[in-house]
Amino acid sequence: MKTSNTILGIIGAAAAGALLGVLFAPDKGSKTRQKIADKSKDYKDEFKGKLDNIVSTGKDLMNQGKAKYNNAKAEVSDGIEHVTN
């Protein structure tokens, strides 16, 4: 029950802030909408760049892991071959 009250409070505060923002906005609606669209695009581009960086880092780590696995596998195979001969 406490969590739902907190969520409702947050939603209510956001709605009140949006209403006050519209009422006291210094620019015309079209300018405000354009600013919002521009800022949204900026945030989207920033998020995409960070996500691409995370994916690239993940791929690099995965490739490093595969290389270590293949090296260890080759060493074990060589060791087994050496012991059996």
Protein backbone atom coordinates (compact mmCIF):
# COMPACT_ATOMS: atom_id res chain seq x y z
CA MET A 1 0.00 0.00 0.00
CA LYS A 2 2.84 2.39 0.81
CA THR A 3 4.48 1.84 -2.58
CA SER A 4 1.27 2.62 -4.47
CA ASN A 5 0.83 5.84 -2.48
CA THR A 6 4.39 6.84 -3.33
CA ILE A 7 3.82 6.13 -7.02
CA LEU A 8 0.57 8.11 -6.99
CA GLY A 9 2.36 10.99 -5.29
CA ILE A 10 5.10 10.99 -7.90
CA ILE A 11 2.57 10.91 -10.76
CA GLY A 12 0.57 13.71 -9.13
CA ALA A 13 3.67 15.85 -8.66
CA ALA A 14 4.71 15.28 -12.28
CA ALA A 15 1.24 16.25 -13.51
CA ALA A 16 1.24 19.39 -11.36
CA GLY A 17 4.70 20.31 -12.62
CA ALA A 18 3.63 19.84 -16.22
CA LEU A 19 0.54 21.97 -15.68
CA LEU A 20 2.55 24.76 -14.05
CA GLY A 21 5.13 24.53 -16.81
CA VAL A 22 2.48 25.02 -19.47
CA LEU A 23 0.83 27.88 -17.59
CA PHE A 24 4.05 29.81 -17.03
CA ALA A 25 5.87 28.90 -20.25
CA PRO A 26 7.69 31.92 -21.69
CA ASP A 27 7.42 30.76 -25.32
CA LYS A 28 4.57 29.97 -27.65
CA GLY A 29 3.36 26.37 -27.72
CA SER A 30 4.95 25.63 -31.08
CA LYS A 31 8.35 26.82 -29.88
CA THR A 32 8.02 24.85 -26.65
CA ARG A 33 7.06 21.70 -28.57
CA GLN A 34 10.06 22.17 -30.87
CA LYS A 35 12.39 22.57 -27.87
CA ILE A 36 10.96 19.39 -26.35
CA ALA A 37 11.39 17.52 -29.64
CA ASP A 38 14.98 18.76 -30.02
CA LYS A 39 15.89 17.86 -26.45
CA SER A 40 14.26 14.44 -26.84
CA LYS A 41 16.34 13.81 -29.96
CA ASP A 42 19.49 14.87 -28.09
CA TYR A 43 18.70 12.47 -25.24
CA LYS A 44 17.89 9.68 -27.71
CA ASP A 45 21.18 10.19 -29.55
CA GLU A 46 23.13 10.30 -26.27
CA PHE A 47 21.43 7.12 -25.05
CA LYS A 48 22.08 5.37 -28.38
CA GLY A 49 25.76 6.32 -28.20
CA LYS A 50 26.07 4.96 -24.66
CA LEU A 51 24.20 1.79 -25.59
CA ASP A 52 26.44 1.27 -28.63
CA ASN A 53 29.47 1.70 -26.37
CA ILE A 54 28.13 -0.87 -23.91
CA VAL A 55 27.39 -3.36 -26.70
CA SER A 56 30.85 -2.83 -28.21
CA THR A 57 32.52 -3.35 -24.84
CA GLY A 58 30.45 -6.50 -24.31
CA LYS A 59 31.46 -7.87 -27.69
CA ASP A 60 35.13 -7.12 -26.97
CA LEU A 61 34.93 -8.89 -23.60
CA MET A 62 33.19 -11.85 -25.20
CA ASN A 63 35.88 -12.11 -27.88
CA GLN A 64 38.61 -11.93 -25.24
CA GLY A 65 36.86 -14.70 -23.31
CA LYS A 66 36.62 -16.85 -26.42
CA ALA A 67 40.33 -16.33 -27.15
CA LYS A 68 41.27 -17.30 -23.58
CA TYR A 69 39.03 -20.37 -23.80
CA ASN A 70 40.57 -21.44 -27.11
CA ASN A 71 44.10 -20.95 -25.72
CA ALA A 72 43.29 -22.95 -22.61
CA LYS A 73 41.66 -25.67 -24.71
CA ALA A 74 44.76 -25.90 -26.94
CA GLU A 75 47.05 -26.08 -23.89
CA VAL A 76 44.97 -28.88 -22.39
CA SER A 77 44.97 -30.77 -25.70
CA ASP A 78 48.74 -30.37 -25.97
CA GLY A 79 49.17 -31.53 -22.39
CA ILE A 80 47.00 -34.59 -22.94
CA GLU A 81 48.85 -35.43 -26.15
CA HIS A 82 52.19 -35.05 -24.36
CA VAL A 83 51.11 -37.35 -21.52
CA THR A 84 49.67 -40.03 -23.81
CA ASN A 85 52.78 -40.17 -26.02
